[in-house]
Amino acid sequence: MEIYWERAEIQCPGCREVLVLRASLLEIWCPWCEEPYEVREVPHRTDPRRTVLTLARRMRGDR
């Protein structure tokens, strides 16, 4: 993953709490819903030159 950002705020897809991401993070643990999430960059829907950060649920024990 090429990183062009330093800090981002994103809502947890499980509980909607705001999580703070740092550029070096490839996964994050939500302390409110107690679920692990993988940080992914995906193309923007309307402008493919831009990327959007998303969180994908990671299975426990998945590495």
Protein backbone atom coordinates (compact mmCIF):
# COMPACT_ATOMS: atom_id res chain seq x y z
CA MET A 1 0.00 0.00 0.00
CA GLU A 2 1.50 3.36 -1.03
CA ILE A 3 0.94 5.91 1.70
CA TYR A 4 0.21 9.58 0.87
CA TRP A 5 -1.44 10.52 4.15
CA GLU A 6 -0.28 10.91 7.76
CA ARG A 7 -3.48 10.83 9.82
CA ALA A 8 -7.12 10.09 9.08
CA GLU A 9 -10.35 9.79 11.02
CA ILE A 10 -12.74 7.06 9.94
CA GLN A 11 -15.93 5.59 11.39
CA CYS A 12 -15.87 2.03 12.64
CA PRO A 13 -18.23 0.01 10.39
CA GLY A 14 -19.48 -1.93 13.42
CA CYS A 15 -20.33 0.73 16.00
CA ARG A 16 -19.83 4.02 14.05
CA GLU A 17 -17.33 5.42 16.60
CA VAL A 18 -14.57 7.58 15.11
CA LEU A 19 -11.17 5.87 14.96
CA VAL A 20 -7.90 7.70 14.28
CA LEU A 21 -5.63 6.04 11.74
CA ARG A 22 -1.92 6.70 11.35
CA ALA A 23 -0.08 6.09 8.09
CA SER A 24 1.88 3.10 9.39
CA LEU A 25 -1.24 1.17 10.48
CA LEU A 26 -2.35 -1.77 8.34
CA GLU A 27 -4.93 -2.88 10.88
CA ILE A 28 -6.75 -1.33 13.82
CA TRP A 29 -8.66 -2.66 16.82
CA CYS A 30 -11.91 -0.90 17.74
CA PRO A 31 -12.03 -0.68 21.56
CA TRP A 32 -15.80 -0.06 21.59
CA CYS A 33 -17.07 -3.02 19.56
CA GLU A 34 -13.88 -5.06 20.23
CA GLU A 35 -13.36 -6.08 16.60
CA PRO A 36 -10.20 -6.07 14.46
CA TYR A 37 -10.27 -4.25 11.10
CA GLU A 38 -7.87 -4.19 8.16
CA VAL A 39 -7.11 -0.77 6.64
CA ARG A 40 -7.54 -0.74 2.85
CA GLU A 41 -7.15 1.88 0.13
CA VAL A 42 -9.75 1.63 -2.63
CA PRO A 43 -10.40 3.82 -5.71
CA HIS A 44 -12.88 6.66 -5.24
CA ARG A 45 -16.24 5.85 -6.90
CA THR A 46 -16.47 8.97 -9.04
CA ASP A 47 -12.80 10.00 -9.35
CA PRO A 48 -10.54 6.96 -9.90
CA ARG A 49 -7.42 9.13 -9.52
CA ARG A 50 -8.25 9.50 -5.82
CA THR A 51 -8.27 6.80 -3.16
CA VAL A 52 -10.49 6.30 -0.13
CA LEU A 53 -9.58 4.55 3.12
CA THR A 54 -11.93 1.78 4.22
CA LEU A 55 -12.00 -0.71 7.06
CA ALA A 56 -12.63 -4.38 6.35
CA ARG A 57 -13.53 -6.74 9.16
CA ARG A 58 -10.69 -9.11 9.94
CA MET A 59 -11.47 -12.58 11.23
CA ARG A 60 -10.02 -13.28 14.67
CA GLY A 61 -6.89 -15.37 14.24
CA ASP A 62 -6.58 -14.25 10.58
CA ARG A 63 -3.04 -13.04 9.85
